[in-house]
Amino acid sequence: MGTNKTIDIAASHRTALGCSKIAQALGMSRWGSAYALWEQYTERRPWPDLGNYLRVALGEPMEDVLRPFVAERLGGTLTRDRREYRHPDLPLVGHVDYRLSRDACAVVELLGAAADKRPMVDVKTSLGHGARHRFGDDGTDEVDADVLLQMQGYMILTGAEVAFVAALVPGPDLKIYPIRADAELQDLIREGVLGFWERVMT
C-alpha cells in the first residue's frame, strides 16, 4: 500500500480522507465539524492555505530536532518514512513521520516481545496552550480524539500493532504516548470513513 512519497500531501488528502481528518469526518474533532469538512471536499468551501502558517513550516524541521531525543526515549532506531499509504478498499490515505525498530525497548515493554510490523511514531510539536487539552500524563494513552483516531488510522493502513505519539508540550517537555491497535475502534473508523465519503460522492 506504500509508494514513494514524492507527492503533494495536501493534494493527496483531497482525493481521499487523510488520517489526521478522521476525527473531524466522524464529528469528534475540536478543530472543525464534519459538515465543514464535507463542504471542502465538495468545493463549497475553499481549502485552507497552510503555506503561511508558522506551525506548519516548523513541523518537519522540529521533528528532525526531536528525533534523537525520541529515539532515546523509545530505545530503538527511528527511520524517516517517505511513503504514502493508501487503503485498497477505504478512501483513506496516510503519511507517517517515522517507523520504529520492531525490537525497540518501548515496544518490547509494551507487547512483551518484538512487534510483527514496525510501529509508527508521530511527532507533535504542540507548544501552543491547547496542548494541555490534547495530551495527558506521560507514558499513558491519554490523547485527544484527533490524535487517537489518526494513529488508529495509520495502524489500519499499515497493519502495525502499536504506534507512539511523541509530543513536545509547553515547558518544553517531551512526552511519549503508546497507542495500541483497537480492533473495535478501527471497525468504527472504517464504517465512519465510508459513511462520510459516501456523502461526499453523492
N, C-alpha and C. Protein backbone atom coordinates (compact mmCIF):
# COMPACT_ATOMS: atom_id res chain seq x y z
N MET A 1 0.82 -1.21 0.00
CA MET A 1 0.00 0.00 0.00
C MET A 1 0.85 1.25 0.00
N GLY A 2 2.17 1.13 0.06
CA GLY A 2 3.03 2.29 0.11
C GLY A 2 3.67 2.57 -1.23
N THR A 3 3.89 3.83 -1.51
CA THR A 3 4.64 4.25 -2.69
C THR A 3 5.59 5.34 -2.26
N ASN A 4 6.56 5.66 -3.10
CA ASN A 4 7.49 6.73 -2.77
C ASN A 4 6.72 8.03 -2.56
N LYS A 5 7.06 8.72 -1.48
CA LYS A 5 6.30 9.92 -1.12
C LYS A 5 6.91 11.15 -1.78
N THR A 6 6.88 11.18 -3.12
CA THR A 6 7.27 12.37 -3.86
C THR A 6 5.96 13.00 -4.34
N ILE A 7 5.15 13.40 -3.41
CA ILE A 7 3.78 13.80 -3.72
C ILE A 7 3.40 14.97 -2.83
N ASP A 8 2.50 15.79 -3.34
CA ASP A 8 1.94 16.89 -2.58
C ASP A 8 0.93 16.31 -1.58
N ILE A 9 1.28 16.33 -0.30
CA ILE A 9 0.42 15.69 0.71
C ILE A 9 -0.94 16.36 0.75
N ALA A 10 -0.96 17.69 0.70
CA ALA A 10 -2.25 18.39 0.75
C ALA A 10 -3.14 17.98 -0.42
N ALA A 11 -2.54 17.85 -1.62
CA ALA A 11 -3.31 17.44 -2.79
C ALA A 11 -3.81 16.02 -2.65
N SER A 12 -2.97 15.14 -2.09
CA SER A 12 -3.36 13.75 -1.91
C SER A 12 -4.51 13.62 -0.93
N HIS A 13 -4.58 14.51 0.06
CA HIS A 13 -5.65 14.47 1.05
C HIS A 13 -6.97 14.98 0.48
N ARG A 14 -6.96 15.49 -0.74
CA ARG A 14 -8.20 15.92 -1.36
C ARG A 14 -8.81 14.82 -2.22
N THR A 15 -8.06 13.74 -2.43
CA THR A 15 -8.56 12.62 -3.22
C THR A 15 -9.00 11.46 -2.32
N ALA A 16 -8.67 11.55 -1.05
CA ALA A 16 -9.09 10.55 -0.05
C ALA A 16 -9.00 11.23 1.30
N LEU A 17 -9.57 10.61 2.30
CA LEU A 17 -9.56 11.21 3.63
C LEU A 17 -8.21 10.94 4.30
N GLY A 18 -7.53 12.02 4.70
CA GLY A 18 -6.28 11.88 5.43
C GLY A 18 -6.55 11.42 6.85
N CYS A 19 -5.65 10.61 7.40
CA CYS A 19 -5.85 10.08 8.75
C CYS A 19 -6.00 11.20 9.78
N SER A 20 -5.35 12.34 9.55
CA SER A 20 -5.46 13.44 10.50
C SER A 20 -6.85 14.07 10.52
N LYS A 21 -7.70 13.71 9.55
CA LYS A 21 -9.05 14.26 9.48
C LYS A 21 -10.13 13.25 9.85
N ILE A 22 -9.72 12.07 10.32
CA ILE A 22 -10.72 11.05 10.66
C ILE A 22 -11.68 11.57 11.73
N ALA A 23 -11.14 12.16 12.79
CA ALA A 23 -12.00 12.62 13.89
C ALA A 23 -12.99 13.66 13.39
N GLN A 24 -12.56 14.56 12.52
CA GLN A 24 -13.47 15.57 12.00
C GLN A 24 -14.55 14.93 11.14
N ALA A 25 -14.17 13.96 10.31
CA ALA A 25 -15.15 13.28 9.46
C ALA A 25 -16.19 12.54 10.29
N LEU A 26 -15.79 12.09 11.49
CA LEU A 26 -16.71 11.37 12.38
C LEU A 26 -17.41 12.30 13.37
N GLY A 27 -17.19 13.61 13.22
CA GLY A 27 -17.84 14.58 14.10
C GLY A 27 -17.29 14.59 15.51
N MET A 28 -16.01 14.25 15.68
CA MET A 28 -15.43 14.14 17.01
C MET A 28 -14.23 15.07 17.22
N SER A 29 -14.02 16.01 16.31
CA SER A 29 -12.84 16.87 16.37
C SER A 29 -13.14 18.20 17.04
N ARG A 30 -12.16 18.70 17.78
CA ARG A 30 -12.28 20.04 18.36
C ARG A 30 -11.92 21.11 17.33
N TRP A 31 -11.39 20.71 16.18
CA TRP A 31 -10.86 21.67 15.22
C TRP A 31 -11.81 21.97 14.07
N GLY A 32 -12.96 21.32 14.01
CA GLY A 32 -13.90 21.61 12.93
C GLY A 32 -14.97 20.53 12.85
N SER A 33 -16.06 20.84 12.19
CA SER A 33 -17.18 19.91 12.09
C SER A 33 -17.06 19.03 10.86
N ALA A 34 -17.80 17.93 10.88
CA ALA A 34 -17.85 17.06 9.71
C ALA A 34 -18.48 17.81 8.53
N TYR A 35 -19.45 18.67 8.84
CA TYR A 35 -20.10 19.43 7.76
C TYR A 35 -19.11 20.37 7.06
N ALA A 36 -18.27 21.05 7.86
CA ALA A 36 -17.28 21.95 7.27
C ALA A 36 -16.30 21.17 6.39
N LEU A 37 -15.92 19.98 6.82
CA LEU A 37 -15.00 19.15 6.02
C LEU A 37 -15.69 18.69 4.74
N TRP A 38 -16.96 18.31 4.86
CA TRP A 38 -17.74 17.94 3.68
C TRP A 38 -17.81 19.09 2.68
N GLU A 39 -17.98 20.31 3.19
CA GLU A 39 -18.02 21.48 2.30
C GLU A 39 -16.71 21.63 1.53
N GLN A 40 -15.59 21.34 2.17
CA GLN A 40 -14.29 21.45 1.49
C GLN A 40 -14.17 20.39 0.40
N TYR A 41 -14.54 19.16 0.73
CA TYR A 41 -14.41 18.09 -0.25
C TYR A 41 -15.36 18.27 -1.43
N THR A 42 -16.51 18.91 -1.21
CA THR A 42 -17.46 19.12 -2.30
C THR A 42 -17.32 20.51 -2.93
N GLU A 43 -16.22 21.20 -2.59
CA GLU A 43 -15.86 22.50 -3.18
C GLU A 43 -16.89 23.59 -2.89
N ARG A 44 -17.60 23.45 -1.79
CA ARG A 44 -18.49 24.51 -1.34
C ARG A 44 -17.77 25.49 -0.43
N ARG A 45 -16.61 25.10 0.05
CA ARG A 45 -15.78 25.93 0.92
C ARG A 45 -14.33 25.73 0.48
N PRO A 46 -13.54 26.81 0.41
CA PRO A 46 -12.14 26.64 -0.03
C PRO A 46 -11.31 25.89 1.02
N TRP A 47 -10.33 25.16 0.53
CA TRP A 47 -9.39 24.51 1.44
C TRP A 47 -8.50 25.58 2.06
N PRO A 48 -8.15 25.43 3.34
CA PRO A 48 -7.27 26.43 3.96
C PRO A 48 -5.88 26.40 3.34
N ASP A 49 -5.29 27.57 3.20
CA ASP A 49 -3.92 27.68 2.70
C ASP A 49 -2.98 27.62 3.90
N LEU A 50 -2.32 26.48 4.05
CA LEU A 50 -1.43 26.28 5.20
C LEU A 50 -0.01 26.74 4.95
N GLY A 51 0.24 27.22 3.74
CA GLY A 51 1.61 27.58 3.38
C GLY A 51 2.20 28.69 4.22
N ASN A 52 1.37 29.58 4.74
CA ASN A 52 1.88 30.72 5.51
C ASN A 52 1.77 30.52 7.02
N TYR A 53 1.44 29.31 7.46
CA TYR A 53 1.33 29.04 8.88
C TYR A 53 2.70 28.66 9.44
N LEU A 54 3.15 29.41 10.45
CA LEU A 54 4.46 29.15 11.03
C LEU A 54 4.54 27.74 11.60
N ARG A 55 3.46 27.30 12.27
CA ARG A 55 3.50 25.97 12.90
C ARG A 55 3.66 24.86 11.86
N VAL A 56 3.12 25.08 10.67
CA VAL A 56 3.26 24.09 9.60
C VAL A 56 4.69 24.12 9.06
N ALA A 57 5.24 25.32 8.86
CA ALA A 57 6.59 25.45 8.35
C ALA A 57 7.63 24.84 9.30
N LEU A 58 7.35 24.90 10.59
CA LEU A 58 8.29 24.38 11.58
C LEU A 58 8.16 22.88 11.79
N GLY A 59 7.11 22.29 11.25
CA GLY A 59 6.80 20.89 11.55
C GLY A 59 7.94 19.93 11.32
N GLU A 60 8.36 19.73 10.06
CA GLU A 60 9.39 18.73 9.76
C GLU A 60 10.75 19.11 10.33
N PRO A 61 11.19 20.38 10.26
CA PRO A 61 12.48 20.72 10.91
C PRO A 61 12.48 20.41 12.40
N MET A 62 11.36 20.69 13.08
CA MET A 62 11.29 20.39 14.51
C MET A 62 11.29 18.89 14.77
N GLU A 63 10.67 18.13 13.87
CA GLU A 63 10.69 16.67 14.01
C GLU A 63 12.12 16.15 13.96
N ASP A 64 12.92 16.70 13.06
CA ASP A 64 14.31 16.26 12.95
C ASP A 64 15.13 16.63 14.17
N VAL A 65 14.82 17.78 14.77
CA VAL A 65 15.50 18.18 16.01
C VAL A 65 15.16 17.21 17.13
N LEU A 66 13.90 16.81 17.21
CA LEU A 66 13.44 15.95 18.28
C LEU A 66 13.81 14.48 18.08
N ARG A 67 14.13 14.11 16.87
CA ARG A 67 14.34 12.69 16.53
C ARG A 67 15.30 11.96 17.48
N PRO A 68 16.50 12.47 17.77
CA PRO A 68 17.38 11.71 18.67
C PRO A 68 16.84 11.58 20.09
N PHE A 69 16.09 12.59 20.55
CA PHE A 69 15.51 12.54 21.89
C PHE A 69 14.39 11.49 21.95
N VAL A 70 13.60 11.44 20.87
CA VAL A 70 12.52 10.46 20.81
C VAL A 70 13.10 9.05 20.73
N ALA A 71 14.12 8.87 19.89
CA ALA A 71 14.75 7.56 19.74
C ALA A 71 15.32 7.08 21.07
N GLU A 72 15.92 7.99 21.82
CA GLU A 72 16.48 7.62 23.12
C GLU A 72 15.38 7.19 24.08
N ARG A 73 14.28 7.94 24.09
CA ARG A 73 13.17 7.59 24.99
C ARG A 73 12.58 6.22 24.64
N LEU A 74 12.50 5.91 23.36
CA LEU A 74 11.88 4.67 22.92
C LEU A 74 12.86 3.50 22.90
N GLY A 75 14.14 3.81 22.96
CA GLY A 75 15.15 2.75 22.99
C GLY A 75 15.25 1.97 21.70
N GLY A 76 15.15 2.67 20.58
CA GLY A 76 15.22 1.99 19.28
C GLY A 76 15.68 2.94 18.19
N THR A 77 15.60 2.46 16.96
CA THR A 77 16.02 3.23 15.80
C THR A 77 14.81 3.82 15.09
N LEU A 78 14.86 5.11 14.83
CA LEU A 78 13.80 5.81 14.11
C LEU A 78 14.25 6.05 12.67
N THR A 79 13.40 5.66 11.73
CA THR A 79 13.69 5.87 10.31
C THR A 79 12.60 6.76 9.73
N ARG A 80 13.00 7.84 9.07
CA ARG A 80 12.03 8.73 8.44
C ARG A 80 11.26 7.96 7.38
N ASP A 81 9.95 8.05 7.41
CA ASP A 81 9.10 7.33 6.46
C ASP A 81 8.77 8.27 5.30
N ARG A 82 9.10 7.84 4.10
CA ARG A 82 8.86 8.66 2.91
C ARG A 82 7.79 8.04 2.02
N ARG A 83 6.91 7.24 2.61
CA ARG A 83 5.91 6.56 1.81
C ARG A 83 4.52 7.17 2.01
N GLU A 84 3.70 6.98 1.02
CA GLU A 84 2.29 7.31 1.14
C GLU A 84 1.52 5.99 1.24
N TYR A 85 0.64 5.90 2.23
CA TYR A 85 -0.13 4.69 2.44
C TYR A 85 -1.58 4.94 2.02
N ARG A 86 -2.07 4.10 1.12
CA ARG A 86 -3.47 4.17 0.69
C ARG A 86 -4.11 2.81 0.91
N HIS A 87 -5.30 2.85 1.46
CA HIS A 87 -6.02 1.60 1.73
C HIS A 87 -6.63 1.08 0.43
N PRO A 88 -6.59 -0.23 0.21
CA PRO A 88 -7.14 -0.76 -1.05
C PRO A 88 -8.66 -0.68 -1.15
N ASP A 89 -9.35 -0.61 -0.01
CA ASP A 89 -10.81 -0.63 -0.03
C ASP A 89 -11.47 0.61 0.57
N LEU A 90 -10.73 1.36 1.37
CA LEU A 90 -11.27 2.56 2.01
C LEU A 90 -10.69 3.81 1.34
N PRO A 91 -11.45 4.90 1.28
CA PRO A 91 -10.90 6.17 0.79
C PRO A 91 -10.06 6.83 1.88
N LEU A 92 -8.97 6.18 2.26
CA LEU A 92 -8.16 6.59 3.39
C LEU A 92 -6.70 6.63 2.98
N VAL A 93 -6.02 7.73 3.35
CA VAL A 93 -4.61 7.91 2.99
C VAL A 93 -3.86 8.42 4.22
N GLY A 94 -2.59 8.04 4.32
CA GLY A 94 -1.80 8.47 5.46
C GLY A 94 -0.35 8.68 5.12
N HIS A 95 0.28 9.60 5.81
CA HIS A 95 1.71 9.89 5.67
C HIS A 95 2.30 9.89 7.08
N VAL A 96 3.16 8.94 7.32
CA VAL A 96 3.70 8.67 8.65
C VAL A 96 5.03 9.41 8.82
N ASP A 97 5.28 9.94 10.03
CA ASP A 97 6.53 10.65 10.27
C ASP A 97 7.71 9.69 10.29
N TYR A 98 7.67 8.69 11.19
CA TYR A 98 8.79 7.77 11.37
C TYR A 98 8.27 6.35 11.58
N ARG A 99 9.13 5.37 11.29
CA ARG A 99 8.91 3.98 11.71
C ARG A 99 9.98 3.63 12.73
N LEU A 100 9.59 2.86 13.72
CA LEU A 100 10.46 2.48 14.83
C LEU A 100 10.88 1.03 14.68
N SER A 101 12.10 0.71 15.10
CA SER A 101 12.57 -0.67 15.03
C SER A 101 11.64 -1.58 15.83
N ARG A 102 11.40 -2.78 15.31
CA ARG A 102 10.43 -3.70 15.90
C ARG A 102 10.80 -4.13 17.31
N ASP A 103 12.12 -4.15 17.60
CA ASP A 103 12.57 -4.63 18.90
C ASP A 103 12.99 -3.49 19.83
N ALA A 104 12.49 -2.30 19.58
CA ALA A 104 12.80 -1.17 20.47
C ALA A 104 12.36 -1.49 21.89
N CYS A 105 13.07 -0.95 22.86
CA CYS A 105 12.77 -1.25 24.27
C CYS A 105 11.32 -0.95 24.62
N ALA A 106 10.80 0.19 24.15
CA ALA A 106 9.43 0.57 24.47
C ALA A 106 8.42 -0.41 23.88
N VAL A 107 8.75 -0.97 22.71
CA VAL A 107 7.86 -1.93 22.06
C VAL A 107 7.82 -3.23 22.85
N VAL A 108 9.00 -3.73 23.20
CA VAL A 108 9.10 -4.99 23.95
C VAL A 108 8.43 -4.85 25.32
N GLU A 109 8.62 -3.69 25.94
CA GLU A 109 7.99 -3.46 27.25
C GLU A 109 6.46 -3.46 27.13
N LEU A 110 5.95 -2.91 26.05
CA LEU A 110 4.50 -2.80 25.87
C LEU A 110 3.87 -4.12 25.44
N LEU A 111 4.52 -4.81 24.49
CA LEU A 111 3.93 -6.01 23.89
C LEU A 111 4.45 -7.30 24.50
N GLY A 112 5.57 -7.22 25.22
CA GLY A 112 6.18 -8.43 25.76
C GLY A 112 7.08 -9.14 24.79
N ALA A 113 7.21 -8.60 23.59
CA ALA A 113 8.05 -9.18 22.54
C ALA A 113 8.21 -8.13 21.44
N ALA A 114 9.05 -8.42 20.47
CA ALA A 114 9.21 -7.52 19.33
C ALA A 114 7.91 -7.49 18.53
N ALA A 115 7.64 -6.38 17.89
CA ALA A 115 6.43 -6.24 17.08
C ALA A 115 6.57 -7.01 15.77
N ASP A 116 5.44 -7.46 15.23
CA ASP A 116 5.46 -8.12 13.93
C ASP A 116 5.77 -7.13 12.81
N LYS A 117 5.25 -5.91 12.94
CA LYS A 117 5.50 -4.87 11.95
C LYS A 117 6.03 -3.63 12.65
N ARG A 118 6.84 -2.87 11.95
CA ARG A 118 7.48 -1.72 12.57
C ARG A 118 6.43 -0.69 13.00
N PRO A 119 6.42 -0.30 14.28
CA PRO A 119 5.46 0.69 14.75
C PRO A 119 5.70 2.06 14.11
N MET A 120 4.64 2.85 14.06
CA MET A 120 4.75 4.24 13.62
C MET A 120 5.07 5.12 14.81
N VAL A 121 5.75 6.23 14.52
CA VAL A 121 5.97 7.28 15.52
C VAL A 121 5.55 8.59 14.88
N ASP A 122 4.60 9.26 15.49
CA ASP A 122 4.13 10.55 15.01
C ASP A 122 4.60 11.62 15.99
N VAL A 123 5.25 12.65 15.47
CA VAL A 123 5.81 13.70 16.31
C VAL A 123 4.89 14.92 16.26
N LYS A 124 4.45 15.37 17.42
CA LYS A 124 3.59 16.55 17.52
C LYS A 124 4.37 17.66 18.21
N THR A 125 4.58 18.76 17.51
CA THR A 125 5.27 19.91 18.10
C THR A 125 4.20 20.85 18.64
N SER A 126 3.63 20.47 19.76
CA SER A 126 2.41 21.11 20.28
C SER A 126 2.73 22.11 21.37
N LEU A 127 3.45 23.18 21.03
CA LEU A 127 3.86 24.15 22.04
C LEU A 127 2.77 25.16 22.37
N GLY A 128 1.68 25.14 21.63
CA GLY A 128 0.58 26.05 21.94
C GLY A 128 -0.10 25.67 23.24
N HIS A 129 -0.85 26.61 23.81
CA HIS A 129 -1.53 26.37 25.07
C HIS A 129 -2.56 25.25 24.97
N GLY A 130 -3.07 25.01 23.75
CA GLY A 130 -4.06 23.95 23.57
C GLY A 130 -3.51 22.57 23.85
N ALA A 131 -2.19 22.42 23.90
CA ALA A 131 -1.58 21.11 24.12
C ALA A 131 -2.02 20.51 25.45
N ARG A 132 -2.30 21.34 26.42
CA ARG A 132 -2.70 20.82 27.74
C ARG A 132 -4.03 20.10 27.67
N HIS A 133 -4.82 20.38 26.63
CA HIS A 133 -6.11 19.71 26.47
C HIS A 133 -6.00 18.49 25.55
N ARG A 134 -4.89 18.39 24.82
CA ARG A 134 -4.73 17.31 23.86
C ARG A 134 -4.02 16.10 24.46
N PHE A 135 -3.18 16.35 25.47
CA PHE A 135 -2.32 15.29 25.98
C PHE A 135 -2.40 15.19 27.49
N GLY A 136 -2.42 13.93 27.97
CA GLY A 136 -2.47 13.67 29.40
C GLY A 136 -1.10 13.36 29.95
N ASP A 137 -1.04 12.42 30.89
CA ASP A 137 0.21 12.10 31.57
C ASP A 137 1.15 11.33 30.65
N ASP A 138 2.42 11.63 30.78
CA ASP A 138 3.46 10.96 30.01
C ASP A 138 3.39 9.45 30.24
N GLY A 139 3.52 8.68 29.16
CA GLY A 139 3.53 7.23 29.27
C GLY A 139 2.17 6.58 29.20
N THR A 140 1.10 7.39 29.18
CA THR A 140 -0.26 6.86 29.06
C THR A 140 -0.73 6.96 27.61
N ASP A 141 -1.94 6.52 27.35
CA ASP A 141 -2.53 6.69 26.02
C ASP A 141 -3.57 7.81 26.02
N GLU A 142 -3.39 8.77 26.94
CA GLU A 142 -4.34 9.88 27.11
C GLU A 142 -4.08 10.98 26.09
N VAL A 143 -4.62 10.80 24.89
CA VAL A 143 -4.54 11.80 23.83
C VAL A 143 -5.96 12.13 23.38
N ASP A 144 -6.13 13.26 22.72
CA ASP A 144 -7.48 13.63 22.30
C ASP A 144 -7.94 12.80 21.11
N ALA A 145 -9.22 12.95 20.75
CA ALA A 145 -9.81 12.12 19.71
C ALA A 145 -9.10 12.30 18.37
N ASP A 146 -8.67 13.52 18.06
CA ASP A 146 -7.99 13.76 16.78
C ASP A 146 -6.74 12.90 16.66
N VAL A 147 -5.94 12.88 17.72
CA VAL A 147 -4.68 12.13 17.71
C VAL A 147 -4.95 10.63 17.76
N LEU A 148 -5.86 10.22 18.65
CA LEU A 148 -6.15 8.80 18.79
C LEU A 148 -6.65 8.18 17.48
N LEU A 149 -7.60 8.84 16.84
CA LEU A 149 -8.16 8.28 15.60
C LEU A 149 -7.16 8.36 14.46
N GLN A 150 -6.31 9.38 14.45
CA GLN A 150 -5.26 9.46 13.45
C GLN A 150 -4.32 8.25 13.56
N MET A 151 -3.91 7.92 14.77
CA MET A 151 -2.98 6.80 14.97
C MET A 151 -3.65 5.47 14.66
N GLN A 152 -4.93 5.32 15.03
CA GLN A 152 -5.63 4.09 14.67
C GLN A 152 -5.76 3.98 13.15
N GLY A 153 -5.94 5.11 12.48
CA GLY A 153 -5.98 5.11 11.02
C GLY A 153 -4.66 4.64 10.42
N TYR A 154 -3.56 5.12 10.96
CA TYR A 154 -2.25 4.67 10.49
C TYR A 154 -2.10 3.16 10.68
N MET A 155 -2.60 2.65 11.80
CA MET A 155 -2.47 1.21 12.04
C MET A 155 -3.37 0.40 11.11
N ILE A 156 -4.53 0.96 10.73
CA ILE A 156 -5.35 0.32 9.72
C ILE A 156 -4.57 0.21 8.41
N LEU A 157 -3.89 1.27 8.04
CA LEU A 157 -3.18 1.31 6.76
C LEU A 157 -1.94 0.41 6.74
N THR A 158 -1.28 0.27 7.86
CA THR A 158 0.00 -0.45 7.89
C THR A 158 -0.09 -1.83 8.52
N GLY A 159 -1.15 -2.12 9.28
CA GLY A 159 -1.26 -3.38 9.96
C GLY A 159 -0.42 -3.49 11.22
N ALA A 160 0.17 -2.38 11.65
CA ALA A 160 1.00 -2.39 12.85
C ALA A 160 0.16 -2.59 14.10
N GLU A 161 0.78 -3.17 15.14
CA GLU A 161 0.06 -3.44 16.39
C GLU A 161 0.12 -2.27 17.36
N VAL A 162 1.07 -1.37 17.16
CA VAL A 162 1.27 -0.29 18.13
C VAL A 162 1.85 0.92 17.41
N ALA A 163 1.53 2.09 17.94
CA ALA A 163 2.09 3.34 17.45
C ALA A 163 2.44 4.20 18.66
N PHE A 164 3.32 5.15 18.45
CA PHE A 164 3.72 6.04 19.53
C PHE A 164 3.55 7.49 19.06
N VAL A 165 3.03 8.31 19.95
CA VAL A 165 2.96 9.75 19.72
C VAL A 165 4.01 10.39 20.61
N ALA A 166 4.89 11.17 20.00
CA ALA A 166 5.90 11.93 20.74
C ALA A 166 5.49 13.39 20.67
N ALA A 167 5.12 13.97 21.80
CA ALA A 167 4.58 15.32 21.82
C ALA A 167 5.51 16.26 22.56
N LEU A 168 5.91 17.33 21.88
CA LEU A 168 6.63 18.42 22.53
C LEU A 168 5.60 19.38 23.06
N VAL A 169 5.52 19.48 24.38
CA VAL A 169 4.49 20.30 25.02
C VAL A 169 5.15 21.46 25.75
N PRO A 170 4.36 22.49 26.12
CA PRO A 170 4.93 23.65 26.80
C PRO A 170 5.75 23.25 28.01
N GLY A 171 6.87 23.90 28.13
CA GLY A 171 7.83 23.62 29.20
C GLY A 171 9.23 24.09 28.82
N PRO A 172 9.77 23.60 27.66
CA PRO A 172 9.22 22.50 26.86
C PRO A 172 9.54 21.15 27.48
N ASP A 173 8.68 20.18 27.16
CA ASP A 173 8.85 18.83 27.68
C ASP A 173 8.44 17.85 26.60
N LEU A 174 9.11 16.72 26.55
CA LEU A 174 8.80 15.68 25.58
C LEU A 174 8.05 14.55 26.28
N LYS A 175 6.84 14.26 25.79
CA LYS A 175 6.03 13.19 26.36
C LYS A 175 5.76 12.14 25.30
N ILE A 176 5.71 10.89 25.73
CA ILE A 176 5.51 9.76 24.83
C ILE A 176 4.21 9.05 25.18
N TYR A 177 3.39 8.80 24.15
CA TYR A 177 2.09 8.15 24.34
C TYR A 177 2.00 6.89 23.48
N PRO A 178 2.02 5.71 24.09
CA PRO A 178 1.86 4.47 23.32
C PRO A 178 0.38 4.23 23.02
N ILE A 179 0.08 3.92 21.77
CA ILE A 179 -1.29 3.66 21.34
C ILE A 179 -1.34 2.26 20.73
N ARG A 180 -2.10 1.37 21.35
CA ARG A 180 -2.22 0.01 20.82
C ARG A 180 -3.39 -0.07 19.85
N ALA A 181 -3.25 -0.95 18.86
CA ALA A 181 -4.33 -1.16 17.89
C ALA A 181 -5.59 -1.63 18.62
N ASP A 182 -6.72 -1.05 18.25
CA ASP A 182 -8.00 -1.37 18.86
C ASP A 182 -8.95 -1.80 17.75
N ALA A 183 -9.19 -3.12 17.64
CA ALA A 183 -9.98 -3.65 16.53
C ALA A 183 -11.39 -3.08 16.49
N GLU A 184 -12.02 -2.93 17.66
CA GLU A 184 -13.38 -2.40 17.70
C GLU A 184 -13.42 -0.95 17.23
N LEU A 185 -12.46 -0.16 17.69
CA LEU A 185 -12.40 1.24 17.28
C LEU A 185 -12.09 1.35 15.80
N GLN A 186 -11.23 0.49 15.30
CA GLN A 186 -10.89 0.52 13.88
C GLN A 186 -12.10 0.16 13.01
N ASP A 187 -12.94 -0.75 13.49
CA ASP A 187 -14.17 -1.06 12.75
C ASP A 187 -15.08 0.17 12.69
N LEU A 188 -15.17 0.92 13.79
CA LEU A 188 -15.98 2.14 13.80
C LEU A 188 -15.40 3.18 12.84
N ILE A 189 -14.07 3.26 12.78
CA ILE A 189 -13.44 4.19 11.85
C ILE A 189 -13.76 3.82 10.41
N ARG A 190 -13.65 2.54 10.09
CA ARG A 190 -13.96 2.10 8.72
C ARG A 190 -15.38 2.47 8.33
N GLU A 191 -16.31 2.18 9.23
CA GLU A 191 -17.72 2.49 8.97
C GLU A 191 -17.92 3.99 8.82
N GLY A 192 -17.29 4.77 9.70
CA GLY A 192 -17.45 6.22 9.65
C GLY A 192 -16.83 6.84 8.42
N VAL A 193 -15.65 6.36 8.02
CA VAL A 193 -14.99 6.87 6.83
C VAL A 193 -15.83 6.59 5.58
N LEU A 194 -16.33 5.38 5.48
CA LEU A 194 -17.17 5.03 4.32
C LEU A 194 -18.44 5.87 4.29
N GLY A 195 -19.04 6.10 5.46
CA GLY A 195 -20.25 6.90 5.50
C GLY A 195 -20.00 8.35 5.11
N PHE A 196 -18.90 8.91 5.61
CA PHE A 196 -18.57 10.29 5.26
C PHE A 196 -18.28 10.40 3.77
N TRP A 197 -17.52 9.46 3.23
CA TRP A 197 -17.13 9.57 1.82
C TRP A 197 -18.31 9.38 0.90
N GLU A 198 -19.27 8.55 1.31
CA GLU A 198 -20.49 8.39 0.51
C GLU A 198 -21.22 9.72 0.40
N ARG A 199 -21.26 10.49 1.47
CA ARG A 199 -21.90 11.80 1.43
C ARG A 199 -21.13 12.76 0.54
N VAL A 200 -19.81 12.65 0.54
CA VAL A 200 -19.00 13.48 -0.37
C VAL A 200 -19.32 13.15 -1.81
N MET A 201 -19.39 11.86 -2.12
CA MET A 201 -19.58 11.42 -3.50
C MET A 201 -20.99 11.69 -4.01
N THR A 202 -21.97 11.75 -3.09
CA THR A 202 -23.36 11.90 -3.53
C THR A 202 -23.91 13.28 -3.25
